């Protein structure tokens, strides 16, 4: 199983950053490998969303995303797709000066037919680019210069 955790400080409020990470259908606008996200169902704080990701090979999967009532995090688990496991979290805390400290964790394991190189790219190489993309999106929409 591949896993990674990374943190970043974002120059916007926690609630503004939360609005970016929970606007799933907008992910393709700023995540280069994300082709489509479609919310399939919503029940209170639980959302099922269908993702289409292109990492050399197109990957389609459904995640159940559970949004925190306090708007300080998000966790997800795999519902269906080409993984054995795709679980993760966003944890948000206030940082000095109206900024947000965001921690992103992911654990992925695959079925035998999905090459390990794709998983390593998904977890290892894509994680820094993903955090950078979320940071840039949030700061463009809600940062001090926005």
C-alpha atoms as a PDB file:
ATOM      1  CA  UNK A   1       0.000   0.000   0.000  1.00  0.00           C
ATOM      2  CA  UNK A   2       1.262   3.462  -0.886  1.00  0.00           C
ATOM      3  CA  UNK A   3       0.602   6.356   1.430  1.00  0.00           C
ATOM      4  CA  UNK A   4       1.683   9.928   1.917  1.00  0.00           C
ATOM      5  CA  UNK A   5       0.962  12.943   4.075  1.00  0.00           C
ATOM      6  CA  UNK A   6       1.846  16.521   3.327  1.00  0.00           C
ATOM      7  CA  UNK A   7       0.989  19.928   4.717  1.00  0.00           C
ATOM      8  CA  UNK A   8       0.793  23.424   3.314  1.00  0.00           C
ATOM      9  CA  UNK A   9      -0.077  26.892   4.609  1.00  0.00           C
ATOM     10  CA  UNK A  10      -2.676  28.666   2.495  1.00  0.00           C
ATOM     11  CA  UNK A  11      -3.180  32.411   2.478  1.00  0.00           C
ATOM     12  CA  UNK A  12      -6.950  32.372   2.998  1.00  0.00           C
ATOM     13  CA  UNK A  13      -9.314  31.569   5.844  1.00  0.00           C
ATOM     14  CA  UNK A  14     -10.171  28.041   6.852  1.00  0.00           C
ATOM     15  CA  UNK A  15     -13.799  28.422   5.717  1.00  0.00           C
ATOM     16  CA  UNK A  16     -12.700  29.767   2.325  1.00  0.00           C
ATOM     17  CA  UNK A  17     -10.299  26.867   1.807  1.00  0.00           C
ATOM     18  CA  UNK A  18     -12.974  24.419   2.928  1.00  0.00           C
ATOM     19  CA  UNK A  19     -15.267  25.810   0.220  1.00  0.00           C
ATOM     20  CA  UNK A  20     -12.573  25.004  -2.379  1.00  0.00           C
ATOM     21  CA  UNK A  21     -11.947  21.408  -1.246  1.00  0.00           C
ATOM     22  CA  UNK A  22     -15.683  20.654  -1.095  1.00  0.00           C
ATOM     23  CA  UNK A  23     -16.468  22.088  -4.549  1.00  0.00           C
ATOM     24  CA  UNK A  24     -15.739  18.693  -6.119  1.00  0.00           C
ATOM     25  CA  UNK A  25     -17.177  19.347  -9.566  1.00  0.00           C
ATOM     26  CA  UNK A  26     -14.753  22.260 -10.050  1.00  0.00           C
ATOM     27  CA  UNK A  27     -11.648  20.062  -9.502  1.00  0.00           C
ATOM     28  CA  UNK A  28     -11.068  19.582 -13.272  1.00  0.00           C
ATOM     29  CA  UNK A  29     -10.676  23.364 -13.602  1.00  0.00           C
ATOM     30  CA  UNK A  30      -7.426  23.327 -11.622  1.00  0.00           C
ATOM     31  CA  UNK A  31      -6.234  19.709 -11.214  1.00  0.00           C
ATOM     32  CA  UNK A  32      -4.516  18.797 -14.497  1.00  0.00           C
ATOM     33  CA  UNK A  33      -5.028  15.003 -14.341  1.00  0.00           C
ATOM     34  CA  UNK A  34      -8.693  15.275 -13.290  1.00  0.00           C
ATOM     35  CA  UNK A  35     -11.006  14.970 -16.280  1.00  0.00           C
ATOM     36  CA  UNK A  36     -14.400  14.956 -14.545  1.00  0.00           C
ATOM     37  CA  UNK A  37     -16.035  14.896 -11.128  1.00  0.00           C
ATOM     38  CA  UNK A  38     -19.741  14.315 -10.817  1.00  0.00           C
ATOM     39  CA  UNK A  39     -21.634  14.283  -7.510  1.00  0.00           C
ATOM     40  CA  UNK A  40     -23.804  11.165  -7.565  1.00  0.00           C
ATOM     41  CA  UNK A  41     -25.595  11.638  -4.229  1.00  0.00           C
ATOM     42  CA  UNK A  42     -25.596  13.828  -1.150  1.00  0.00           C
ATOM     43  CA  UNK A  43     -26.984  12.818   2.249  1.00  0.00           C
ATOM     44  CA  UNK A  44     -26.282  15.384   4.941  1.00  0.00           C
ATOM     45  CA  UNK A  45     -22.493  15.582   5.258  1.00  0.00           C
ATOM     46  CA  UNK A  46     -21.866  12.469   3.123  1.00  0.00           C
ATOM     47  CA  UNK A  47     -21.283  12.879  -0.607  1.00  0.00           C
ATOM     48  CA  UNK A  48     -20.723  10.159  -3.199  1.00  0.00           C
ATOM     49  CA  UNK A  49     -18.778  11.481  -6.181  1.00  0.00           C
ATOM     50  CA  UNK A  50     -17.661   9.815  -9.408  1.00  0.00           C
ATOM     51  CA  UNK A  51     -14.111  10.775 -10.435  1.00  0.00           C
ATOM     52  CA  UNK A  52     -12.413  10.349 -13.807  1.00  0.00           C
ATOM     53  CA  UNK A  53      -8.639  10.719 -13.565  1.00  0.00           C
ATOM     54  CA  UNK A  54      -6.159  10.362 -16.420  1.00  0.00           C
ATOM     55  CA  UNK A  55      -2.688   9.184 -15.375  1.00  0.00           C
ATOM     56  CA  UNK A  56      -1.559   7.692 -18.689  1.00  0.00           C
ATOM     57  CA  UNK A  57      -4.483   5.302 -18.159  1.00  0.00           C
ATOM     58  CA  UNK A  58      -7.987   6.573 -17.452  1.00  0.00           C
ATOM     59  CA  UNK A  59      -9.177   5.675 -13.954  1.00  0.00           C
ATOM     60  CA  UNK A  60     -12.829   5.909 -12.935  1.00  0.00           C
ATOM     61  CA  UNK A  61     -13.855   5.502  -9.319  1.00  0.00           C
ATOM     62  CA  UNK A  62     -16.428   6.565  -6.742  1.00  0.00           C
ATOM     63  CA  UNK A  63     -15.485   7.993  -3.350  1.00  0.00           C
ATOM     64  CA  UNK A  64     -17.669   8.650  -0.324  1.00  0.00           C
ATOM     65  CA  UNK A  65     -16.590  12.001   1.050  1.00  0.00           C
ATOM     66  CA  UNK A  66     -17.655  12.961   4.557  1.00  0.00           C
ATOM     67  CA  UNK A  67     -17.567  16.677   5.272  1.00  0.00           C
ATOM     68  CA  UNK A  68     -17.116  17.834   8.857  1.00  0.00           C
ATOM     69  CA  UNK A  69     -19.886  19.900  10.350  1.00  0.00           C
ATOM     70  CA  UNK A  70     -17.295  22.334  11.730  1.00  0.00           C
ATOM     71  CA  UNK A  71     -15.861  22.779   8.205  1.00  0.00           C
ATOM     72  CA  UNK A  72     -12.382  21.835   9.412  1.00  0.00           C
ATOM     73  CA  UNK A  73     -11.822  18.696   7.404  1.00  0.00           C
ATOM     74  CA  UNK A  74     -12.915  16.065   4.990  1.00  0.00           C
ATOM     75  CA  UNK A  75     -12.356  12.330   4.811  1.00  0.00           C
ATOM     76  CA  UNK A  76     -13.003   9.866   2.036  1.00  0.00           C
ATOM     77  CA  UNK A  77     -13.197   6.146   1.415  1.00  0.00           C
ATOM     78  CA  UNK A  78     -13.449   4.127  -1.765  1.00  0.00           C
ATOM     79  CA  UNK A  79     -16.917   2.977  -2.828  1.00  0.00           C
ATOM     80  CA  UNK A  80     -15.914   1.393  -6.156  1.00  0.00           C
ATOM     81  CA  UNK A  81     -13.107   1.503  -8.678  1.00  0.00           C
ATOM     82  CA  UNK A  82      -9.790  -0.037  -9.724  1.00  0.00           C
ATOM     83  CA  UNK A  83      -8.311   0.203  -6.227  1.00  0.00           C
ATOM     84  CA  UNK A  84      -8.459  -2.060  -3.200  1.00  0.00           C
ATOM     85  CA  UNK A  85      -8.237   1.050  -1.086  1.00  0.00           C
ATOM     86  CA  UNK A  86      -8.334   4.816  -1.654  1.00  0.00           C
ATOM     87  CA  UNK A  87      -8.762   6.561   1.673  1.00  0.00           C
ATOM     88  CA  UNK A  88      -7.690   9.981   2.765  1.00  0.00           C
ATOM     89  CA  UNK A  89      -8.270  13.129   4.741  1.00  0.00           C
ATOM     90  CA  UNK A  90      -7.938  16.872   4.676  1.00  0.00           C
ATOM     91  CA  UNK A  91      -7.417  18.390   8.144  1.00  0.00           C
ATOM     92  CA  UNK A  92      -7.663  22.172   8.429  1.00  0.00           C
ATOM     93  CA  UNK A  93      -6.585  24.415  11.292  1.00  0.00           C
ATOM     94  CA  UNK A  94      -6.351  28.159  11.611  1.00  0.00           C
ATOM     95  CA  UNK A  95      -2.877  29.604  11.182  1.00  0.00           C
ATOM     96  CA  UNK A  96      -1.588  33.023  12.167  1.00  0.00           C
ATOM     97  CA  UNK A  97      -2.632  36.021  10.088  1.00  0.00           C
ATOM     98  CA  UNK A  98      -5.927  34.599   8.794  1.00  0.00           C
ATOM     99  CA  UNK A  99      -4.198  31.735   7.009  1.00  0.00           C
ATOM    100  CA  UNK A 100      -4.998  28.027   7.010  1.00  0.00           C
ATOM    101  CA  UNK A 101      -2.767  25.094   7.843  1.00  0.00           C
ATOM    102  CA  UNK A 102      -3.938  22.201   5.623  1.00  0.00           C
ATOM    103  CA  UNK A 103      -2.783  18.606   6.008  1.00  0.00           C
ATOM    104  CA  UNK A 104      -3.554  16.086   3.252  1.00  0.00           C
ATOM    105  CA  UNK A 105      -3.172  12.328   3.766  1.00  0.00           C
ATOM    106  CA  UNK A 106      -3.859   9.525   1.325  1.00  0.00           C
ATOM    107  CA  UNK A 107      -3.546   5.722   1.345  1.00  0.00           C
ATOM    108  CA  UNK A 108      -3.919   3.801  -1.898  1.00  0.00           C
ATOM    109  CA  UNK A 109      -3.572   0.121  -2.700  1.00  0.00           C
ATOM    110  CA  UNK A 110      -4.431  -1.452  -6.013  1.00  0.00           C
ATOM    111  CA  UNK A 111      -5.868  -4.553  -7.569  1.00  0.00           C
ATOM    112  CA  UNK A 112      -3.331  -6.625  -9.497  1.00  0.00           C
ATOM    113  CA  UNK A 113      -4.347  -5.313 -12.926  1.00  0.00           C
ATOM    114  CA  UNK A 114      -3.425  -1.698 -12.127  1.00  0.00           C
ATOM    115  CA  UNK A 115       0.340  -1.085 -12.479  1.00  0.00           C
ATOM    116  CA  UNK A 116       2.170  -0.057  -9.336  1.00  0.00           C
ATOM    117  CA  UNK A 117       3.867   2.748 -11.273  1.00  0.00           C
ATOM    118  CA  UNK A 118       0.479   4.456 -11.633  1.00  0.00           C
ATOM    119  CA  UNK A 119      -0.120   4.216  -7.896  1.00  0.00           C
ATOM    120  CA  UNK A 120       3.338   5.562  -7.112  1.00  0.00           C
ATOM    121  CA  UNK A 121       2.683   8.471  -9.464  1.00  0.00           C
ATOM    122  CA  UNK A 122      -0.762   9.053  -7.963  1.00  0.00           C
ATOM    123  CA  UNK A 123       0.545   9.126  -4.406  1.00  0.00           C
ATOM    124  CA  UNK A 124       4.173  10.220  -4.602  1.00  0.00           C
ATOM    125  CA  UNK A 125       4.569  12.480  -7.604  1.00  0.00           C
ATOM    126  CA  UNK A 126       1.067  13.897  -7.862  1.00  0.00           C
ATOM    127  CA  UNK A 127       0.668  14.829  -4.169  1.00  0.00           C
ATOM    128  CA  UNK A 128       2.931  17.917  -4.205  1.00  0.00           C
ATOM    129  CA  UNK A 129       1.341  19.111  -7.459  1.00  0.00           C
ATOM    130  CA  UNK A 130      -2.140  18.530  -6.016  1.00  0.00           C
ATOM    131  CA  UNK A 131      -1.399  20.559  -2.885  1.00  0.00           C
ATOM    132  CA  UNK A 132       0.109  23.337  -4.992  1.00  0.00           C
ATOM    133  CA  UNK A 133      -2.968  23.384  -7.246  1.00  0.00           C
ATOM    134  CA  UNK A 134      -5.390  23.585  -4.291  1.00  0.00           C
ATOM    135  CA  UNK A 135      -3.279  26.334  -2.689  1.00  0.00           C
ATOM    136  CA  UNK A 136      -3.153  28.373  -5.913  1.00  0.00           C
ATOM    137  CA  UNK A 137      -6.890  27.938  -6.504  1.00  0.00           C
ATOM    138  CA  UNK A 138      -7.842  29.000  -2.963  1.00  0.00           C
ATOM    139  CA  UNK A 139      -5.500  31.978  -2.945  1.00  0.00           C
ATOM    140  CA  UNK A 140      -6.690  33.123  -6.388  1.00  0.00           C
ATOM    141  CA  UNK A 141     -10.318  32.972  -5.250  1.00  0.00           C
ATOM    142  CA  UNK A 142     -10.013  34.025  -1.601  1.00  0.00           C
ATOM    143  CA  UNK A 143      -6.470  35.222  -0.801  1.00  0.00           C
ATOM    144  CA  UNK A 144      -5.529  38.772   0.162  1.00  0.00           C
ATOM    145  CA  UNK A 145      -4.986  39.815  -3.459  1.00  0.00           C
ATOM    146  CA  UNK A 146      -8.285  38.256  -4.593  1.00  0.00           C
END
